[in-house]
């Protein structure tokens, strides 16, 4: 009976001790688990440098090859047979190149280079700003240039000058806007920098208006990059898609029409449904060139066509139309052969790899952890030694905390401690019973 009573007291005391040790410590707030890693919400980005969407793997070397590049899937329509020296059709939203021919072939761009000029110079001045033209601002215009009719001494709104650039391809309007934005040579440098920032590496700017100049080149790929950037800017599209406008001439004005036939539908071409315009060009050296964009439902396509070899002066519009028709029909039925998105910098690649590794680790081991309150606390936690437990006789060891060294939870007491206390209590009870049993009473 004495033994039974001793064991009952021992069991009751041990159970009470386990309950006390397993209960949360009073006054210590429970730390909520860290929320899973998620994609940071992006704010509005630059209108001329659209926020890159998620990338799909494509082989960038395909666009360096000559000939037509396309990867059709089941049900894909045949790519149209075109006479242009180079062309590109791409999804303006994702930047994916759906098909291309000699995409990086360097050719004279003619006035399609004005797309890059607009991307560079539009942010410099408000549309309502007024400017009186000086004589020197119209000096240096190339012989045979297209003109809108800007006159020295006349005052124009900036919006009037941009209408002159987009609709009439006026090199005189380009000269004035460039003068207002740092000067001719400065503008060429600004445009070159803008091209590189967009990932357009084939373009070399000599004359900001696109007039033929030694060494001035671009490519169908770069022109598509500029077109994709342009459709992100409502002001750019407002000018490029305008069919007709009035241009001031002192006390009166005269009408001007967009020379892009896909916008006006003139000369039997027909206005393209959903056209967003952009820019056409022509010089005797460059031939006919065109960057065009159109929207259908939720999809926007951009195409660039450089120097068709047959069909006359209007062939560039017909070939662009064929590419747009094919692109809308081929949506979801082809694998991309390239991308208009700028390549990631070397500094971004390790960051992306780290983010992917962290996301993968989180999926595999969703254990909540306490978030440090400050940088100094974070450093202390990273350097804190951890205790390595083993069997009997094992010695405590210290090691710096690494990804392979796991720290026990601070919030959960180890089961080793209560078990040791239970064993000690049991031994003490037995010793007391033995002492009472064998020691003579007084």
Foldseek 3Di string as FASTA:
>chain_A
DLVVVLVVVLVVVLVVVVVVQFDFDPPDDDFDFDDADDDDDDDDDDLLQDDADDDDDADACLLQDADKDFFFFPPADDQDDFQFRKKWKAWLRNQFTHMIGNQLDKFQAFQLLLLLLCSQQVVVDDQADKDAAAPVLQPPDDPPFFAPDDDHRDMDGLVLLLLRCQARVHPSSSSNSQVSVPHFVVSQVSSVVVLVVQQFDSAHGDGSSSPDDPPGIGGNLSSQSSVSSQVSDPVSLVSQLDAKDWHDDVPRTDMTGHPQCLRVVPPVLGNDAQWSGRHWRADPRFHTKGWTWGDDPPIIMIMIGTHRPDDPNCSNSVSVSSSVVSCVSCVPGIDGNHGSGHDDDPVVVVVVVVVVVSSVVCVVDVDGDDDDPDPVVVVCVQQDWAFDDDDPPDDTDTDGDDPVDDHDDPRGDDPVVSVVVSVVSSVVSVVVSVCVVPPDDD
